[in-house]
Structures are given as C-alpha cells and as structure tokens.
Amino acid sequence: MIKEDLLRKIVKDSYLTKKEASQFVMLALEAIKEALSKGERVTFVGFGSFYVCERKERRGRNPKTGEVLEIPAKRVVKFVPGKALKESIK
C-alpha cells in the first residue's frame, strides 16, 4: 500500500474529501515524526509502537572493494507490532 492507496481508502470509508484526507494523513505523520525526533515512543494500541534507539559505531566492509570501513553511530527508528496486529496477519 502506498500513500495514494491509503488516501483512497480513507475517502471511501469516511466523509472526508481527498484534500482533507491528505491533510489529515500529513498532519498525523508530521506529529509522529516530531515525537520520534524528541526521542518519544509513539504507540497505537492494537497496532504497535515506534521508537528511536542508538546504533553503535561498527566496522563494515565495502562489498565492491573489500575495504574495511568504520560505520558511524546513529539513531534509528524501530517498530514493534502490537498483539492485535500480529494475530491479524497469522
């Protein structure tokens, strides 16, 4: 599913216009992004949780040249599915 598919589904199942649905989705995604950038956990009960964690610096290898590189530490977003989501895809 891509954003356009999601918008069509929202418009079909609600009273919103495509423009309103698009604004709603963009506001929701922006709120999630803002919370994650502050290091907050974002939880949707029954769906899952998004959170930020630190990935340590590590050694890697360039697959083309075989050269050993240092991959710097960085923050990454992780997702843990909720119980209801896990059960719905079994």
PDB file of N, CA and C in Angstrom:
ATOM      1  N   MET A   1       0.851  -1.179   0.000  1.00  0.00           N
ATOM      2  CA  MET A   1       0.000   0.000   0.000  1.00  0.00           C
ATOM      3  C   MET A   1       0.889   1.231   0.000  1.00  0.00           C
ATOM      4  N   ILE A   2       0.563   2.172  -0.818  1.00  0.00           N
ATOM      5  CA  ILE A   2       1.264   3.449  -0.851  1.00  0.00           C
ATOM      6  C   ILE A   2       0.322   4.541  -0.331  1.00  0.00           C
ATOM      7  N   LYS A   3       0.842   5.738  -0.171  1.00  0.00           N
ATOM      8  CA  LYS A   3       0.060   6.835   0.385  1.00  0.00           C
ATOM      9  C   LYS A   3      -1.227   7.068  -0.404  1.00  0.00           C
ATOM     10  N   GLU A   4      -1.158   7.003  -1.710  1.00  0.00           N
ATOM     11  CA  GLU A   4      -2.338   7.225  -2.551  1.00  0.00           C
ATOM     12  C   GLU A   4      -3.427   6.191  -2.265  1.00  0.00           C
ATOM     13  N   ASP A   5      -3.034   4.933  -2.060  1.00  0.00           N
ATOM     14  CA  ASP A   5      -3.993   3.871  -1.721  1.00  0.00           C
ATOM     15  C   ASP A   5      -4.650   4.150  -0.373  1.00  0.00           C
ATOM     16  N   LEU A   6      -3.854   4.601   0.580  1.00  0.00           N
ATOM     17  CA  LEU A   6      -4.372   4.932   1.901  1.00  0.00           C
ATOM     18  C   LEU A   6      -5.383   6.077   1.807  1.00  0.00           C
ATOM     19  N   LEU A   7      -5.060   7.093   1.038  1.00  0.00           N
ATOM     20  CA  LEU A   7      -5.978   8.226   0.882  1.00  0.00           C
ATOM     21  C   LEU A   7      -7.295   7.776   0.259  1.00  0.00           C
ATOM     22  N   ARG A   8      -7.226   6.935  -0.776  1.00  0.00           N
ATOM     23  CA  ARG A   8      -8.454   6.427  -1.415  1.00  0.00           C
ATOM     24  C   ARG A   8      -9.310   5.666  -0.405  1.00  0.00           C
ATOM     25  N   LYS A   9      -8.679   4.854   0.430  1.00  0.00           N
ATOM     26  CA  LYS A   9      -9.397   4.078   1.443  1.00  0.00           C
ATOM     27  C   LYS A   9     -10.072   4.999   2.458  1.00  0.00           C
ATOM     28  N   ILE A  10      -9.367   6.028   2.912  1.00  0.00           N
ATOM     29  CA  ILE A  10      -9.938   6.981   3.873  1.00  0.00           C
ATOM     30  C   ILE A  10     -11.123   7.708   3.264  1.00  0.00           C
ATOM     31  N   VAL A  11     -10.977   8.181   2.028  1.00  0.00           N
ATOM     32  CA  VAL A  11     -12.069   8.904   1.355  1.00  0.00           C
ATOM     33  C   VAL A  11     -13.281   7.994   1.186  1.00  0.00           C
ATOM     34  N   LYS A  12     -13.037   6.753   0.795  1.00  0.00           N
ATOM     35  CA  LYS A  12     -14.124   5.785   0.574  1.00  0.00           C
ATOM     36  C   LYS A  12     -14.882   5.488   1.864  1.00  0.00           C
ATOM     37  N   ASP A  13     -14.149   5.341   2.974  1.00  0.00           N
ATOM     38  CA  ASP A  13     -14.754   4.918   4.234  1.00  0.00           C
ATOM     39  C   ASP A  13     -15.136   6.053   5.174  1.00  0.00           C
ATOM     40  N   SER A  14     -14.997   7.299   4.741  1.00  0.00           N
ATOM     41  CA  SER A  14     -15.321   8.419   5.626  1.00  0.00           C
ATOM     42  C   SER A  14     -16.054   9.512   4.856  1.00  0.00           C
ATOM     43  N   TYR A  15     -16.306  10.594   5.533  1.00  0.00           N
ATOM     44  CA  TYR A  15     -16.965  11.750   4.943  1.00  0.00           C
ATOM     45  C   TYR A  15     -15.959  12.776   4.419  1.00  0.00           C
ATOM     46  N   LEU A  16     -14.669  12.482   4.522  1.00  0.00           N
ATOM     47  CA  LEU A  16     -13.631  13.435   4.134  1.00  0.00           C
ATOM     48  C   LEU A  16     -13.435  13.485   2.623  1.00  0.00           C
ATOM     49  N   THR A  17     -13.043  14.658   2.132  1.00  0.00           N
ATOM     50  CA  THR A  17     -12.644  14.782   0.733  1.00  0.00           C
ATOM     51  C   THR A  17     -11.202  14.306   0.610  1.00  0.00           C
ATOM     52  N   LYS A  18     -10.736  14.140  -0.615  1.00  0.00           N
ATOM     53  CA  LYS A  18      -9.361  13.691  -0.813  1.00  0.00           C
ATOM     54  C   LYS A  18      -8.376  14.706  -0.236  1.00  0.00           C
ATOM     55  N   LYS A  19      -8.672  15.989  -0.401  1.00  0.00           N
ATOM     56  CA  LYS A  19      -7.788  17.036   0.124  1.00  0.00           C
ATOM     57  C   LYS A  19      -7.750  16.991   1.649  1.00  0.00           C
ATOM     58  N   GLU A  20      -8.904  16.828   2.281  1.00  0.00           N
ATOM     59  CA  GLU A  20      -8.964  16.751   3.742  1.00  0.00           C
ATOM     60  C   GLU A  20      -8.247  15.500   4.256  1.00  0.00           C
ATOM     61  N   ALA A  21      -8.449  14.387   3.565  1.00  0.00           N
ATOM     62  CA  ALA A  21      -7.783  13.140   3.956  1.00  0.00           C
ATOM     63  C   ALA A  21      -6.268  13.289   3.848  1.00  0.00           C
ATOM     64  N   SER A  22      -5.814  13.936   2.787  1.00  0.00           N
ATOM     65  CA  SER A  22      -4.384  14.157   2.594  1.00  0.00           C
ATOM     66  C   SER A  22      -3.815  15.027   3.707  1.00  0.00           C
ATOM     67  N   GLN A  23      -4.522  16.083   4.068  1.00  0.00           N
ATOM     68  CA  GLN A  23      -4.077  16.956   5.152  1.00  0.00           C
ATOM     69  C   GLN A  23      -4.022  16.189   6.476  1.00  0.00           C
ATOM     70  N   PHE A  24      -5.033  15.358   6.721  1.00  0.00           N
ATOM     71  CA  PHE A  24      -5.082  14.557   7.942  1.00  0.00           C
ATOM     72  C   PHE A  24      -3.888  13.615   8.020  1.00  0.00           C
ATOM     73  N   VAL A  25      -3.625  12.894   6.941  1.00  0.00           N
ATOM     74  CA  VAL A  25      -2.507  11.945   6.921  1.00  0.00           C
ATOM     75  C   VAL A  25      -1.182  12.677   7.126  1.00  0.00           C
ATOM     76  N   MET A  26      -0.992  13.792   6.432  1.00  0.00           N
ATOM     77  CA  MET A  26       0.253  14.549   6.558  1.00  0.00           C
ATOM     78  C   MET A  26       0.432  15.087   7.975  1.00  0.00           C
ATOM     79  N   LEU A  27      -0.642  15.573   8.599  1.00  0.00           N
ATOM     80  CA  LEU A  27      -0.551  16.062   9.983  1.00  0.00           C
ATOM     81  C   LEU A  27      -0.208  14.920  10.947  1.00  0.00           C
ATOM     82  N   ALA A  28      -0.824  13.765  10.739  1.00  0.00           N
ATOM     83  CA  ALA A  28      -0.550  12.619  11.601  1.00  0.00           C
ATOM     84  C   ALA A  28       0.911  12.180  11.459  1.00  0.00           C
ATOM     85  N   LEU A  29       1.395  12.079  10.230  1.00  0.00           N
ATOM     86  CA  LEU A  29       2.787  11.673  10.010  1.00  0.00           C
ATOM     87  C   LEU A  29       3.765  12.697  10.571  1.00  0.00           C
ATOM     88  N   GLU A  30       3.434  13.961  10.436  1.00  0.00           N
ATOM     89  CA  GLU A  30       4.299  15.025  10.973  1.00  0.00           C
ATOM     90  C   GLU A  30       4.351  14.948  12.501  1.00  0.00           C
ATOM     91  N   ALA A  31       3.213  14.670  13.144  1.00  0.00           N
ATOM     92  CA  ALA A  31       3.178  14.544  14.601  1.00  0.00           C
ATOM     93  C   ALA A  31       4.016  13.351  15.060  1.00  0.00           C
ATOM     94  N   ILE A  32       3.941  12.245  14.331  1.00  0.00           N
ATOM     95  CA  ILE A  32       4.739  11.060  14.664  1.00  0.00           C
ATOM     96  C   ILE A  32       6.221  11.374  14.512  1.00  0.00           C
ATOM     97  N   LYS A  33       6.578  12.019  13.394  1.00  0.00           N
ATOM     98  CA  LYS A  33       7.974  12.375  13.141  1.00  0.00           C
ATOM     99  C   LYS A  33       8.507  13.312  14.226  1.00  0.00           C
ATOM    100  N   GLU A  34       7.711  14.274  14.617  1.00  0.00           N
ATOM    101  CA  GLU A  34       8.122  15.234  15.647  1.00  0.00           C
ATOM    102  C   GLU A  34       8.359  14.529  16.991  1.00  0.00           C
ATOM    103  N   ALA A  35       7.446  13.633  17.365  1.00  0.00           N
ATOM    104  CA  ALA A  35       7.593  12.910  18.624  1.00  0.00           C
ATOM    105  C   ALA A  35       8.848  12.033  18.602  1.00  0.00           C
ATOM    106  N   LEU A  36       9.086  11.337  17.511  1.00  0.00           N
ATOM    107  CA  LEU A  36      10.269  10.484  17.406  1.00  0.00           C
ATOM    108  C   LEU A  36      11.555  11.300  17.447  1.00  0.00           C
ATOM    109  N   SER A  37      11.544  12.477  16.826  1.00  0.00           N
ATOM    110  CA  SER A  37      12.749  13.308  16.833  1.00  0.00           C
ATOM    111  C   SER A  37      13.081  13.792  18.239  1.00  0.00           C
ATOM    112  N   LYS A  38      12.079  13.861  19.120  1.00  0.00           N
ATOM    113  CA  LYS A  38      12.297  14.231  20.523  1.00  0.00           C
ATOM    114  C   LYS A  38      12.667  13.020  21.376  1.00  0.00           C
ATOM    115  N   GLY A  39      12.690  11.834  20.763  1.00  0.00           N
ATOM    116  CA  GLY A  39      13.034  10.625  21.488  1.00  0.00           C
ATOM    117  C   GLY A  39      11.852   9.966  22.174  1.00  0.00           C
ATOM    118  N   GLU A  40      10.647  10.442  21.879  1.00  0.00           N
ATOM    119  CA  GLU A  40       9.449   9.872  22.497  1.00  0.00           C
ATOM    120  C   GLU A  40       9.032   8.596  21.773  1.00  0.00           C
ATOM    121  N   ARG A  41       8.369   7.723  22.490  1.00  0.00           N
ATOM    122  CA  ARG A  41       7.816   6.498  21.919  1.00  0.00           C
ATOM    123  C   ARG A  41       6.407   6.818  21.412  1.00  0.00           C
ATOM    124  N   VAL A  42       6.037   6.301  20.238  1.00  0.00           N
ATOM    125  CA  VAL A  42       4.713   6.525  19.661  1.00  0.00           C
ATOM    126  C   VAL A  42       4.010   5.174  19.622  1.00  0.00           C
ATOM    127  N   THR A  43       2.904   5.063  20.371  1.00  0.00           N
ATOM    128  CA  THR A  43       2.204   3.787  20.495  1.00  0.00           C
ATOM    129  C   THR A  43       0.765   3.913  20.017  1.00  0.00           C
ATOM    130  N   PHE A  44       0.369   2.965  19.181  1.00  0.00           N
ATOM    131  CA  PHE A  44      -1.016   2.834  18.742  1.00  0.00           C
ATOM    132  C   PHE A  44      -1.490   1.490  19.270  1.00  0.00           C
ATOM    133  N   VAL A  45      -2.331   1.512  20.306  1.00  0.00           N
ATOM    134  CA  VAL A  45      -2.772   0.290  20.958  1.00  0.00           C
ATOM    135  C   VAL A  45      -3.424  -0.633  19.922  1.00  0.00           C
ATOM    136  N   GLY A  46      -2.993  -1.871  19.916  1.00  0.00           N
ATOM    137  CA  GLY A  46      -3.513  -2.853  18.974  1.00  0.00           C
ATOM    138  C   GLY A  46      -2.764  -2.882  17.652  1.00  0.00           C
ATOM    139  N   PHE A  47      -1.997  -1.813  17.349  1.00  0.00           N
ATOM    140  CA  PHE A  47      -1.235  -1.769  16.099  1.00  0.00           C
ATOM    141  C   PHE A  47       0.243  -1.981  16.359  1.00  0.00           C
ATOM    142  N   GLY A  48       0.835  -1.129  17.208  1.00  0.00           N
ATOM    143  CA  GLY A  48       2.245  -1.273  17.521  1.00  0.00           C
ATOM    144  C   GLY A  48       2.861   0.020  18.007  1.00  0.00           C
ATOM    145  N   SER A  49       4.187  -0.033  18.190  1.00  0.00           N
ATOM    146  CA  SER A  49       4.923   1.117  18.713  1.00  0.00           C
ATOM    147  C   SER A  49       6.133   1.426  17.847  1.00  0.00           C
ATOM    148  N   PHE A  50       6.379   2.708  17.666  1.00  0.00           N
ATOM    149  CA  PHE A  50       7.584   3.201  17.010  1.00  0.00           C
ATOM    150  C   PHE A  50       8.452   3.804  18.104  1.00  0.00           C
ATOM    151  N   TYR A  51       9.752   3.571  18.029  1.00  0.00           N
ATOM    152  CA  TYR A  51      10.661   4.185  18.991  1.00  0.00           C
ATOM    153  C   TYR A  51      12.032   4.370  18.350  1.00  0.00           C
ATOM    154  N   VAL A  52      12.835   5.224  18.971  1.00  0.00           N
ATOM    155  CA  VAL A  52      14.171   5.529  18.464  1.00  0.00           C
ATOM    156  C   VAL A  52      15.187   4.851  19.374  1.00  0.00           C
ATOM    157  N   CYS A  53      16.200   4.240  18.771  1.00  0.00           N
ATOM    158  CA  CYS A  53      17.280   3.670  19.566  1.00  0.00           C
ATOM    159  C   CYS A  53      18.615   4.040  18.925  1.00  0.00           C
ATOM    160  N   GLU A  54      19.659   3.906  19.712  1.00  0.00           N
ATOM    161  CA  GLU A  54      21.007   4.236  19.255  1.00  0.00           C
ATOM    162  C   GLU A  54      21.667   3.003  18.668  1.00  0.00           C
ATOM    163  N   ARG A  55      22.237   3.140  17.500  1.00  0.00           N
ATOM    164  CA  ARG A  55      23.025   2.054  16.908  1.00  0.00           C
ATOM    165  C   ARG A  55      24.488   2.417  17.117  1.00  0.00           C
ATOM    166  N   LYS A  56      25.262   1.504  17.672  1.00  0.00           N
ATOM    167  CA  LYS A  56      26.668   1.765  17.972  1.00  0.00           C
ATOM    168  C   LYS A  56      27.507   1.851  16.703  1.00  0.00           C
ATOM    169  N   GLU A  57      28.654   2.502  16.844  1.00  0.00           N
ATOM    170  CA  GLU A  57      29.623   2.524  15.751  1.00  0.00           C
ATOM    171  C   GLU A  57      30.105   1.099  15.516  1.00  0.00           C
ATOM    172  N   ARG A  58      30.333   0.739  14.271  1.00  0.00           N
ATOM    173  CA  ARG A  58      30.766  -0.625  13.980  1.00  0.00           C
ATOM    174  C   ARG A  58      31.633  -0.658  12.740  1.00  0.00           C
ATOM    175  N   ARG A  59      32.264  -1.782  12.541  1.00  0.00           N
ATOM    176  CA  ARG A  59      33.079  -1.974  11.352  1.00  0.00           C
ATOM    177  C   ARG A  59      32.232  -2.626  10.279  1.00  0.00           C
ATOM    178  N   GLY A  60      32.464  -2.209   9.034  1.00  0.00           N
ATOM    179  CA  GLY A  60      31.773  -2.794   7.901  1.00  0.00           C
ATOM    180  C   GLY A  60      32.762  -3.012   6.777  1.00  0.00           C
ATOM    181  N   ARG A  61      32.283  -3.567   5.709  1.00  0.00           N
ATOM    182  CA  ARG A  61      33.154  -3.834   4.571  1.00  0.00           C
ATOM    183  C   ARG A  61      32.437  -3.395   3.300  1.00  0.00           C
ATOM    184  N   ASN A  62      33.149  -2.667   2.450  1.00  0.00           N
ATOM    185  CA  ASN A  62      32.626  -2.285   1.149  1.00  0.00           C
ATOM    186  C   ASN A  62      32.575  -3.561   0.298  1.00  0.00           C
ATOM    187  N   PRO A  63      31.382  -3.993  -0.122  1.00  0.00           N
ATOM    188  CA  PRO A  63      31.293  -5.251  -0.856  1.00  0.00           C
ATOM    189  C   PRO A  63      31.971  -5.208  -2.232  1.00  0.00           C
ATOM    190  N   LYS A  64      32.097  -4.034  -2.785  1.00  0.00           N
ATOM    191  CA  LYS A  64      32.711  -3.899  -4.114  1.00  0.00           C
ATOM    192  C   LYS A  64      34.235  -3.991  -4.049  1.00  0.00           C
ATOM    193  N   THR A  65      34.824  -3.302  -3.057  1.00  0.00           N
ATOM    194  CA  THR A  65      36.287  -3.247  -2.981  1.00  0.00           C
ATOM    195  C   THR A  65      36.870  -4.127  -1.876  1.00  0.00           C
ATOM    196  N   GLY A  66      36.042  -4.520  -0.914  1.00  0.00           N
ATOM    197  CA  GLY A  66      36.537  -5.304   0.213  1.00  0.00           C
ATOM    198  C   GLY A  66      37.191  -4.456   1.289  1.00  0.00           C
ATOM    199  N   GLU A  67      37.215  -3.146   1.095  1.00  0.00           N
ATOM    200  CA  GLU A  67      37.833  -2.218   2.049  1.00  0.00           C
ATOM    201  C   GLU A  67      37.039  -2.196   3.358  1.00  0.00           C
ATOM    202  N   VAL A  68      37.766  -2.240   4.490  1.00  0.00           N
ATOM    203  CA  VAL A  68      37.139  -2.163   5.805  1.00  0.00           C
ATOM    204  C   VAL A  68      36.858  -0.701   6.116  1.00  0.00           C
ATOM    205  N   LEU A  69      35.626  -0.423   6.591  1.00  0.00           N
ATOM    206  CA  LEU A  69      35.205   0.947   6.902  1.00  0.00           C
ATOM    207  C   LEU A  69      34.677   1.016   8.323  1.00  0.00           C
ATOM    208  N   GLU A  70      34.692   2.207   8.894  1.00  0.00           N
ATOM    209  CA  GLU A  70      34.041   2.457  10.172  1.00  0.00           C
ATOM    210  C   GLU A  70      32.671   3.057   9.865  1.00  0.00           C
ATOM    211  N   ILE A  71      31.626   2.383  10.305  1.00  0.00           N
ATOM    212  CA  ILE A  71      30.268   2.896  10.125  1.00  0.00           C
ATOM    213  C   ILE A  71      29.930   3.663  11.399  1.00  0.00           C
ATOM    214  N   PRO A  72      29.627   4.964  11.268  1.00  0.00           N
ATOM    215  CA  PRO A  72      29.403   5.787  12.462  1.00  0.00           C
ATOM    216  C   PRO A  72      28.125   5.401  13.219  1.00  0.00           C
ATOM    217  N   ALA A  73      28.108   5.751  14.503  1.00  0.00           N
ATOM    218  CA  ALA A  73      26.918   5.545  15.336  1.00  0.00           C
ATOM    219  C   ALA A  73      25.804   6.440  14.813  1.00  0.00           C
ATOM    220  N   LYS A  74      24.562   5.980  14.968  1.00  0.00           N
ATOM    221  CA  LYS A  74      23.431   6.805  14.549  1.00  0.00           C
ATOM    222  C   LYS A  74      22.170   6.370  15.266  1.00  0.00           C
ATOM    223  N   ARG A  75      21.170   7.222  15.194  1.00  0.00           N
ATOM    224  CA  ARG A  75      19.858   6.923  15.764  1.00  0.00           C
ATOM    225  C   ARG A  75      18.992   6.324  14.660  1.00  0.00           C
ATOM    226  N   VAL A  76      18.240   5.271  15.000  1.00  0.00           N
ATOM    227  CA  VAL A  76      17.366   4.617  14.029  1.00  0.00           C
ATOM    228  C   VAL A  76      15.978   4.424  14.631  1.00  0.00           C
ATOM    229  N   VAL A  77      14.968   4.393  13.763  1.00  0.00           N
ATOM    230  CA  VAL A  77      13.592   4.157  14.190  1.00  0.00           C
ATOM    231  C   VAL A  77      13.304   2.666  14.088  1.00  0.00           C
ATOM    232  N   LYS A  78      12.695   2.138  15.125  1.00  0.00           N
ATOM    233  CA  LYS A  78      12.305   0.726  15.137  1.00  0.00           C
ATOM    234  C   LYS A  78      10.804   0.639  15.367  1.00  0.00           C
ATOM    235  N   PHE A  79      10.225  -0.479  14.936  1.00  0.00           N
ATOM    236  CA  PHE A  79       8.788  -0.715  15.090  1.00  0.00           C
ATOM    237  C   PHE A  79       8.580  -2.082  15.721  1.00  0.00           C
ATOM    238  N   VAL A  80       7.702  -2.131  16.717  1.00  0.00           N
ATOM    239  CA  VAL A  80       7.327  -3.385  17.348  1.00  0.00           C
ATOM    240  C   VAL A  80       5.824  -3.556  17.148  1.00  0.00           C
ATOM    241  N   PRO A  81       5.402  -4.588  16.415  1.00  0.00           N
ATOM    242  CA  PRO A  81       3.965  -4.778  16.187  1.00  0.00           C
ATOM    243  C   PRO A  81       3.235  -5.145  17.474  1.00  0.00           C
ATOM    244  N   GLY A  82       1.996  -4.670  17.586  1.00  0.00           N
ATOM    245  CA  GLY A  82       1.174  -4.997  18.738  1.00  0.00           C
ATOM    246  C   GLY A  82       0.550  -6.377  18.605  1.00  0.00           C
ATOM    247  N   LYS A  83      -0.021  -6.850  19.678  1.00  0.00           N
ATOM    248  CA  LYS A  83      -0.606  -8.191  19.719  1.00  0.00           C
ATOM    249  C   LYS A  83      -1.706  -8.355  18.669  1.00  0.00           C
ATOM    250  N   ALA A  84      -2.607  -7.381  18.561  1.00  0.00           N
ATOM    251  CA  ALA A  84      -3.718  -7.484  17.604  1.00  0.00           C
ATOM    252  C   ALA A  84      -3.205  -7.534  16.170  1.00  0.00           C
ATOM    253  N   LEU A  85      -2.180  -6.765  15.850  1.00  0.00           N
ATOM    254  CA  LEU A  85      -1.604  -6.774  14.503  1.00  0.00           C
ATOM    255  C   LEU A  85      -0.975  -8.127  14.215  1.00  0.00           C
ATOM    256  N   LYS A  86      -0.217  -8.639  15.174  1.00  0.00           N
ATOM    257  CA  LYS A  86       0.419  -9.956  14.997  1.00  0.00           C
ATOM    258  C   LYS A  86      -0.630 -11.024  14.729  1.00  0.00           C
ATOM    259  N   GLU A  87      -1.722 -11.004  15.498  1.00  0.00           N
ATOM    260  CA  GLU A  87      -2.764 -12.011  15.348  1.00  0.00           C
ATOM    261  C   GLU A  87      -3.520 -11.867  14.044  1.00  0.00           C
ATOM    262  N   SER A  88      -3.655 -10.641  13.543  1.00  0.00           N
ATOM    263  CA  SER A  88      -4.422 -10.425  12.311  1.00  0.00           C
ATOM    264  C   SER A  88      -3.683 -10.901  11.058  1.00  0.00           C
ATOM    265  N   ILE A  89      -2.368 -11.068  11.144  1.00  0.00           N
ATOM    266  CA  ILE A  89      -1.634 -11.499   9.963  1.00  0.00           C
ATOM    267  C   ILE A  89      -1.265 -12.979   9.985  1.00  0.00           C
ATOM    268  N   LYS A  90      -1.673 -13.687  11.028  1.00  0.00           N
ATOM    269  CA  LYS A  90      -1.391 -15.120  11.095  1.00  0.00           C
ATOM    270  C   LYS A  90      -2.259 -15.878  10.124  1.00  0.00           C
TER     271      LYS A  90
END
